[in-house]
Amino acid sequence: MAGSRFDNPYVTESPCAEMPNQEESMSCSAACPRKLLLNASVDKPESEIRNAANFHPAFGIDPFDLAGALDLFHPNRKYLGGCVNPQANQTLDGLVLSLTSTGPWIANLHLPGMHSVIVIRIERDIIHLLDPWGMTGPGSGCGTSATIFMDEFLRRWQPNLHAVFEK
């Protein structure tokens, strides 16, 4: 997250007009589903997503509640949210590849606090993602497009493996 109080793990980062900028310091978990809904031509304000997903200003949104809000608003997709675990004989990289193969998904990373981003695609050992923080935080006008090395992503995702993804 550029311009934030956290260390920035990204290899590259630039403003992205297509990614909504989160409106509050803890509302990244509402801005990410807003982008997934916009991809489906559903324009819900972040405030409506926060209300439907039981947003807490100090803690954000639980992945289970976030999946429920996406189910409520998305016209033709259903989502699961929570802690994901690799299948037998599956590595964490394999789990990320598997989740990404179904389309964009939301990951909660430790930066060091929890922060939601959208994983878009993977190229070799680089993950492409969208970050709602923006270049200077809420009020930046838009989120960012960023890349992060797979091993760094796993290090920051591994403590909880929280995700919201399509069923």
C-alpha atoms as a PDB file:
ATOM      1  CA  MET A   1       0.000   0.000   0.000  1.00  0.00           C
ATOM      2  CA  ALA A   2       1.857   3.041  -1.209  1.00  0.00           C
ATOM      3  CA  GLY A   3       1.629   6.096   0.943  1.00  0.00           C
ATOM      4  CA  SER A   4       0.401   4.074   3.881  1.00  0.00           C
ATOM      5  CA  ARG A   5       1.770   3.526   7.349  1.00  0.00           C
ATOM      6  CA  PHE A   6       2.728  -0.047   6.343  1.00  0.00           C
ATOM      7  CA  ASP A   7       5.777  -1.349   4.535  1.00  0.00           C
ATOM      8  CA  ASN A   8       5.019  -1.753   0.850  1.00  0.00           C
ATOM      9  CA  PRO A   9       5.585  -5.339  -0.393  1.00  0.00           C
ATOM     10  CA  TYR A  10       4.748  -4.577  -4.019  1.00  0.00           C
ATOM     11  CA  VAL A  11       7.182  -4.937  -6.912  1.00  0.00           C
ATOM     12  CA  THR A  12       5.182  -2.448  -8.987  1.00  0.00           C
ATOM     13  CA  GLU A  13       2.185  -0.254  -8.161  1.00  0.00           C
ATOM     14  CA  SER A  14       0.320   2.392 -10.117  1.00  0.00           C
ATOM     15  CA  PRO A  15      -3.051   4.161  -9.923  1.00  0.00           C
ATOM     16  CA  CYS A  16      -5.894   2.174 -11.489  1.00  0.00           C
ATOM     17  CA  ALA A  17      -9.062   4.084 -12.376  1.00  0.00           C
ATOM     18  CA  GLU A  18     -11.044   0.823 -12.641  1.00  0.00           C
ATOM     19  CA  MET A  19     -10.381  -0.083  -8.980  1.00  0.00           C
ATOM     20  CA  PRO A  20     -12.555   1.793  -6.482  1.00  0.00           C
ATOM     21  CA  ASN A  21     -10.690   3.575  -3.712  1.00  0.00           C
ATOM     22  CA  GLN A  22     -11.794   2.465  -0.255  1.00  0.00           C
ATOM     23  CA  GLU A  23     -13.777   5.195   1.515  1.00  0.00           C
ATOM     24  CA  GLU A  24     -12.668   4.519   5.090  1.00  0.00           C
ATOM     25  CA  SER A  25      -9.440   3.312   6.658  1.00  0.00           C
ATOM     26  CA  MET A  26     -10.890  -0.178   7.349  1.00  0.00           C
ATOM     27  CA  SER A  27     -13.256  -0.498   4.375  1.00  0.00           C
ATOM     28  CA  CYS A  28     -10.922  -2.308   1.964  1.00  0.00           C
ATOM     29  CA  SER A  29     -13.063  -5.403   2.502  1.00  0.00           C
ATOM     30  CA  ALA A  30     -16.072  -3.502   1.095  1.00  0.00           C
ATOM     31  CA  ALA A  31     -14.220  -1.816  -1.790  1.00  0.00           C
ATOM     32  CA  CYS A  32     -12.992  -5.166  -3.157  1.00  0.00           C
ATOM     33  CA  PRO A  33     -16.461  -6.698  -3.616  1.00  0.00           C
ATOM     34  CA  ARG A  34     -17.602  -3.376  -5.051  1.00  0.00           C
ATOM     35  CA  LYS A  35     -15.099  -3.946  -7.875  1.00  0.00           C
ATOM     36  CA  LEU A  36     -16.291  -7.539  -8.414  1.00  0.00           C
ATOM     37  CA  LEU A  37     -19.867  -6.246  -8.606  1.00  0.00           C
ATOM     38  CA  LEU A  38     -18.886  -3.457 -11.024  1.00  0.00           C
ATOM     39  CA  ASN A  39     -17.353  -6.161 -13.250  1.00  0.00           C
ATOM     40  CA  ALA A  40     -20.873  -7.663 -13.388  1.00  0.00           C
ATOM     41  CA  SER A  41     -22.429  -4.229 -14.173  1.00  0.00           C
ATOM     42  CA  VAL A  42     -23.838  -3.929 -10.629  1.00  0.00           C
ATOM     43  CA  ASP A  43     -23.091  -0.506  -9.157  1.00  0.00           C
ATOM     44  CA  LYS A  44     -23.607  -0.717  -5.393  1.00  0.00           C
ATOM     45  CA  PRO A  45     -22.199   2.037  -3.193  1.00  0.00           C
ATOM     46  CA  GLU A  46     -19.547   0.935  -0.727  1.00  0.00           C
ATOM     47  CA  SER A  47     -21.809   2.055   2.126  1.00  0.00           C
ATOM     48  CA  GLU A  48     -24.511  -0.420   1.050  1.00  0.00           C
ATOM     49  CA  ILE A  49     -21.969  -3.256   0.873  1.00  0.00           C
ATOM     50  CA  ARG A  50     -20.619  -2.311   4.324  1.00  0.00           C
ATOM     51  CA  ASN A  51     -24.138  -2.412   5.788  1.00  0.00           C
ATOM     52  CA  ALA A  52     -25.031  -5.753   4.172  1.00  0.00           C
ATOM     53  CA  ALA A  53     -21.745  -7.321   5.328  1.00  0.00           C
ATOM     54  CA  ASN A  54     -21.853  -6.166   8.979  1.00  0.00           C
ATOM     55  CA  PHE A  55     -18.901  -3.778   8.660  1.00  0.00           C
ATOM     56  CA  HIS A  56     -17.155  -2.842  11.906  1.00  0.00           C
ATOM     57  CA  PRO A  57     -15.099   0.389  11.731  1.00  0.00           C
ATOM     58  CA  ALA A  58     -12.270  -1.076  13.838  1.00  0.00           C
ATOM     59  CA  PHE A  59     -12.156  -4.583  12.348  1.00  0.00           C
ATOM     60  CA  GLY A  60     -13.576  -4.399   8.824  1.00  0.00           C
ATOM     61  CA  ILE A  61     -15.655  -7.324   7.542  1.00  0.00           C
ATOM     62  CA  ASP A  62     -15.484 -11.037   8.268  1.00  0.00           C
ATOM     63  CA  PRO A  63     -14.936 -13.114   5.071  1.00  0.00           C
ATOM     64  CA  PHE A  64     -18.104 -15.161   5.751  1.00  0.00           C
ATOM     65  CA  ASP A  65     -20.210 -11.988   5.912  1.00  0.00           C
ATOM     66  CA  LEU A  66     -18.459 -10.581   2.856  1.00  0.00           C
ATOM     67  CA  ALA A  67     -19.332 -13.681   0.810  1.00  0.00           C
ATOM     68  CA  GLY A  68     -22.940 -13.321   1.980  1.00  0.00           C
ATOM     69  CA  ALA A  69     -23.092  -9.702   0.809  1.00  0.00           C
ATOM     70  CA  LEU A  70     -21.656 -10.669  -2.583  1.00  0.00           C
ATOM     71  CA  ASP A  71     -24.266 -13.428  -2.880  1.00  0.00           C
ATOM     72  CA  LEU A  72     -26.975 -10.907  -2.071  1.00  0.00           C
ATOM     73  CA  PHE A  73     -25.931  -8.404  -4.744  1.00  0.00           C
ATOM     74  CA  HIS A  74     -24.279 -10.430  -7.507  1.00  0.00           C
ATOM     75  CA  PRO A  75     -26.793 -11.361 -10.230  1.00  0.00           C
ATOM     76  CA  ASN A  76     -25.355 -14.757 -11.189  1.00  0.00           C
ATOM     77  CA  ARG A  77     -22.420 -15.823  -8.999  1.00  0.00           C
ATOM     78  CA  LYS A  78     -22.203 -17.368  -5.520  1.00  0.00           C
ATOM     79  CA  TYR A  79     -19.253 -16.946  -3.182  1.00  0.00           C
ATOM     80  CA  LEU A  80     -17.583 -18.697  -0.262  1.00  0.00           C
ATOM     81  CA  GLY A  81     -15.591 -16.888   2.396  1.00  0.00           C
ATOM     82  CA  GLY A  82     -13.356 -17.917   5.233  1.00  0.00           C
ATOM     83  CA  CYS A  83     -10.165 -19.837   5.844  1.00  0.00           C
ATOM     84  CA  VAL A  84      -9.064 -22.024   2.949  1.00  0.00           C
ATOM     85  CA  ASN A  85      -6.710 -24.967   3.259  1.00  0.00           C
ATOM     86  CA  PRO A  86      -4.694 -26.777   0.606  1.00  0.00           C
ATOM     87  CA  GLN A  87      -5.975 -30.164  -0.523  1.00  0.00           C
ATOM     88  CA  ALA A  88      -3.876 -33.243   0.302  1.00  0.00           C
ATOM     89  CA  ASN A  89      -0.529 -32.989  -1.524  1.00  0.00           C
ATOM     90  CA  GLN A  90      -1.293 -29.390  -2.615  1.00  0.00           C
ATOM     91  CA  THR A  91       1.212 -26.620  -1.891  1.00  0.00           C
ATOM     92  CA  LEU A  92       0.188 -23.093  -0.944  1.00  0.00           C
ATOM     93  CA  ASP A  93       1.308 -21.942  -4.418  1.00  0.00           C
ATOM     94  CA  GLY A  94      -0.984 -24.633  -5.850  1.00  0.00           C
ATOM     95  CA  LEU A  95      -3.858 -23.371  -3.706  1.00  0.00           C
ATOM     96  CA  VAL A  96      -3.335 -19.812  -5.003  1.00  0.00           C
ATOM     97  CA  LEU A  97      -3.198 -21.088  -8.595  1.00  0.00           C
ATOM     98  CA  SER A  98      -6.380 -23.100  -8.035  1.00  0.00           C
ATOM     99  CA  LEU A  99      -8.269 -20.132  -6.547  1.00  0.00           C
ATOM    100  CA  THR A 100      -7.082 -17.845  -9.358  1.00  0.00           C
ATOM    101  CA  SER A 101      -8.159 -20.315 -12.037  1.00  0.00           C
ATOM    102  CA  THR A 102     -11.824 -19.640 -11.176  1.00  0.00           C
ATOM    103  CA  GLY A 103     -11.471 -15.861 -11.602  1.00  0.00           C
ATOM    104  CA  PRO A 104     -10.631 -12.878  -9.415  1.00  0.00           C
ATOM    105  CA  TRP A 105     -10.788 -13.518  -5.666  1.00  0.00           C
ATOM    106  CA  ILE A 106     -10.294 -11.500  -2.496  1.00  0.00           C
ATOM    107  CA  ALA A 107      -7.356 -12.233  -0.199  1.00  0.00           C
ATOM    108  CA  ASN A 108      -6.687 -10.775   3.242  1.00  0.00           C
ATOM    109  CA  LEU A 109      -3.000  -9.957   3.618  1.00  0.00           C
ATOM    110  CA  HIS A 110      -1.024  -8.939   6.707  1.00  0.00           C
ATOM    111  CA  LEU A 111       0.611  -5.574   5.962  1.00  0.00           C
ATOM    112  CA  PRO A 112       1.028  -5.855   9.116  1.00  0.00           C
ATOM    113  CA  GLY A 113      -2.669  -5.247   9.818  1.00  0.00           C
ATOM    114  CA  MET A 114      -5.318  -7.052   7.771  1.00  0.00           C
ATOM    115  CA  HIS A 115      -5.860  -5.639   4.286  1.00  0.00           C
ATOM    116  CA  SER A 116      -8.078  -6.946   1.469  1.00  0.00           C
ATOM    117  CA  VAL A 117      -6.895  -7.063  -2.141  1.00  0.00           C
ATOM    118  CA  ILE A 118      -8.194  -8.713  -5.324  1.00  0.00           C
ATOM    119  CA  VAL A 119      -5.980 -11.351  -6.925  1.00  0.00           C
ATOM    120  CA  ILE A 120      -6.367 -11.067 -10.708  1.00  0.00           C
ATOM    121  CA  ARG A 121      -3.828 -13.381 -12.320  1.00  0.00           C
ATOM    122  CA  ILE A 122      -0.463 -15.052 -11.911  1.00  0.00           C
ATOM    123  CA  GLU A 123       2.492 -14.917 -14.296  1.00  0.00           C
ATOM    124  CA  ARG A 124       5.334 -17.250 -13.292  1.00  0.00           C
ATOM    125  CA  ASP A 125       6.165 -16.117  -9.721  1.00  0.00           C
ATOM    126  CA  ILE A 126       4.394 -12.729  -9.912  1.00  0.00           C
ATOM    127  CA  ILE A 127       0.830 -12.144  -8.680  1.00  0.00           C
ATOM    128  CA  HIS A 128      -1.146  -9.290 -10.259  1.00  0.00           C
ATOM    129  CA  LEU A 129      -3.645  -7.699  -7.932  1.00  0.00           C
ATOM    130  CA  LEU A 130      -5.876  -4.709  -7.363  1.00  0.00           C
ATOM    131  CA  ASP A 131      -5.565  -2.782  -4.107  1.00  0.00           C
ATOM    132  CA  PRO A 132      -8.350  -0.418  -2.947  1.00  0.00           C
ATOM    133  CA  TRP A 133      -6.029   1.658  -0.719  1.00  0.00           C
ATOM    134  CA  GLY A 134      -4.849   3.884  -3.551  1.00  0.00           C
ATOM    135  CA  MET A 135      -1.566   5.734  -3.695  1.00  0.00           C
ATOM    136  CA  THR A 136      -2.260   7.776  -0.552  1.00  0.00           C
ATOM    137  CA  GLY A 137      -5.095   5.942   1.189  1.00  0.00           C
ATOM    138  CA  PRO A 138      -8.813   6.754   1.353  1.00  0.00           C
ATOM    139  CA  GLY A 139      -9.545   9.829  -0.733  1.00  0.00           C
ATOM    140  CA  SER A 140      -6.904   8.968  -3.376  1.00  0.00           C
ATOM    141  CA  GLY A 141      -9.636   8.843  -6.020  1.00  0.00           C
ATOM    142  CA  CYS A 142      -8.876   5.303  -7.188  1.00  0.00           C
ATOM    143  CA  GLY A 143      -7.214   2.112  -6.083  1.00  0.00           C
ATOM    144  CA  THR A 144      -4.038   0.676  -7.558  1.00  0.00           C
ATOM    145  CA  SER A 145      -2.874  -2.106  -9.812  1.00  0.00           C
ATOM    146  CA  ALA A 146       0.108  -3.881  -8.268  1.00  0.00           C
ATOM    147  CA  THR A 147       2.367  -6.897  -8.514  1.00  0.00           C
ATOM    148  CA  ILE A 148       3.899  -8.940  -5.718  1.00  0.00           C
ATOM    149  CA  PHE A 149       6.211 -11.954  -5.728  1.00  0.00           C
ATOM    150  CA  MET A 150       4.427 -15.232  -4.933  1.00  0.00           C
ATOM    151  CA  ASP A 151       6.670 -15.974  -1.934  1.00  0.00           C
ATOM    152  CA  GLU A 152       5.983 -12.536  -0.421  1.00  0.00           C
ATOM    153  CA  PHE A 153       2.255 -12.926  -1.068  1.00  0.00           C
ATOM    154  CA  LEU A 154       2.259 -16.325   0.666  1.00  0.00           C
ATOM    155  CA  ARG A 155       4.217 -14.952   3.627  1.00  0.00           C
ATOM    156  CA  ARG A 156       1.636 -12.195   4.113  1.00  0.00           C
ATOM    157  CA  TRP A 157      -1.412 -14.398   3.404  1.00  0.00           C
ATOM    158  CA  GLN A 158      -0.312 -17.522   5.259  1.00  0.00           C
ATOM    159  CA  PRO A 159      -1.087 -16.543   8.858  1.00  0.00           C
ATOM    160  CA  ASN A 160      -4.822 -16.922   8.208  1.00  0.00           C
ATOM    161  CA  LEU A 161      -5.429 -17.970   4.572  1.00  0.00           C
ATOM    162  CA  HIS A 162      -8.624 -15.880   4.527  1.00  0.00           C
ATOM    163  CA  ALA A 163     -10.227 -15.627   1.119  1.00  0.00           C
ATOM    164  CA  VAL A 164     -13.526 -14.854  -0.617  1.00  0.00           C
ATOM    165  CA  PHE A 165     -13.892 -16.695  -3.900  1.00  0.00           C
ATOM    166  CA  GLU A 166     -16.460 -17.915  -6.387  1.00  0.00           C
ATOM    167  CA  LYS A 167     -18.122 -21.286  -5.618  1.00  0.00           C
END
